[in-house]
Amino acid sequence: IPVKMVTSSRGKALRAEPVVSLYEKGLIRHVGVFPELEVEMTRWVPGKGESPNRVDALVFALTELFLEPKNERGGRARI
């Protein structure tokens, strides 16, 4: 499986806002059961407690798949 290493340049809550919008519009659905992810998604309060690694990975993945524009060669462009 190809792995893309990323570095955060914005806060987690700010980075997650566009992804939250996709969930609110019903455009994202999970297939399967992901209890650790669900715990992080429902209990994380920005600025309090531990940083949720699974949520962060999910936000990066969904941003790559759905939110970053494609470049002229069909790949994803950096925004």
Protein backbone atom coordinates (compact mmCIF):
# COMPACT_ATOMS: atom_id res chain seq x y z
CA ILE A 1 0.00 0.00 0.00
CA PRO A 2 1.45 3.39 -0.92
CA VAL A 3 2.04 5.66 2.07
CA LYS A 4 2.12 9.44 1.87
CA MET A 5 3.92 11.16 4.72
CA VAL A 6 2.30 14.46 5.75
CA THR A 7 3.16 17.26 8.13
CA SER A 8 0.50 19.38 9.79
CA SER A 9 0.68 23.08 9.12
CA ARG A 10 -2.66 24.02 10.70
CA GLY A 11 -4.42 23.05 13.92
CA LYS A 12 -6.36 19.82 13.96
CA ALA A 13 -9.76 21.45 14.52
CA LEU A 14 -9.25 23.92 11.67
CA ARG A 15 -8.02 21.15 9.36
CA ALA A 16 -11.08 19.02 10.19
CA GLU A 17 -13.73 21.67 9.38
CA PRO A 18 -14.07 20.84 5.64
CA VAL A 19 -14.28 17.12 6.46
CA VAL A 20 -16.96 17.76 9.09
CA SER A 21 -18.95 19.49 6.36
CA LEU A 22 -18.78 16.32 4.22
CA TYR A 23 -20.17 14.27 7.14
CA GLU A 24 -22.93 16.84 7.77
CA LYS A 25 -24.00 16.61 4.10
CA GLY A 26 -24.17 12.81 4.36
CA LEU A 27 -21.35 12.35 1.83
CA ILE A 28 -19.16 10.19 4.08
CA ARG A 29 -20.16 6.79 5.44
CA HIS A 30 -18.08 4.16 7.18
CA VAL A 31 -18.35 0.51 6.20
CA GLY A 32 -17.43 -1.77 9.06
CA VAL A 33 -16.93 -1.22 12.76
CA PHE A 34 -14.15 1.04 14.03
CA PRO A 35 -14.61 1.33 17.80
CA GLU A 36 -11.32 3.15 18.54
CA LEU A 37 -12.01 5.71 15.81
CA GLU A 38 -15.59 6.19 16.99
CA VAL A 39 -14.39 6.84 20.55
CA GLU A 40 -11.96 9.48 19.30
CA MET A 41 -14.58 11.07 17.03
CA THR A 42 -17.20 11.36 19.75
CA ARG A 43 -15.01 12.29 22.74
CA TRP A 44 -12.37 14.64 21.37
CA VAL A 45 -12.65 18.22 22.54
CA PRO A 46 -10.20 20.53 20.71
CA GLY A 47 -7.57 21.89 23.06
CA LYS A 48 -8.27 19.36 25.81
CA GLY A 49 -6.78 15.95 26.46
CA GLU A 50 -4.75 13.83 24.09
CA SER A 51 -4.60 14.51 20.38
CA PRO A 52 -6.71 11.93 18.46
CA ASN A 53 -4.37 10.17 16.02
CA ARG A 54 -7.08 8.16 14.25
CA VAL A 55 -9.21 11.25 13.67
CA ASP A 56 -6.17 13.09 12.35
CA ALA A 57 -5.35 10.27 9.92
CA LEU A 58 -9.00 10.17 8.80
CA VAL A 59 -9.03 13.93 8.17
CA PHE A 60 -5.84 13.74 6.08
CA ALA A 61 -7.17 10.78 4.08
CA LEU A 62 -10.58 12.32 3.37
CA THR A 63 -8.97 15.64 2.45
CA GLU A 64 -6.72 13.86 -0.04
CA LEU A 65 -9.60 11.84 -1.51
CA PHE A 66 -12.37 14.43 -1.65
CA LEU A 67 -11.15 17.97 -1.09
CA GLU A 68 -7.81 18.55 -2.83
CA PRO A 69 -8.23 19.65 -6.46
CA LYS A 70 -6.76 17.50 -9.23
CA ASN A 71 -3.90 18.89 -11.27
CA GLU A 72 -3.79 18.88 -15.07
CA ARG A 73 -2.28 15.37 -15.18
CA GLY A 74 -5.09 13.85 -13.12
CA GLY A 75 -3.19 13.72 -9.84
CA ARG A 76 -3.95 15.71 -6.73
CA ALA A 77 -2.61 19.25 -6.48
CA ARG A 78 -1.31 20.62 -3.19
CA ILE A 79 -3.44 23.36 -1.67
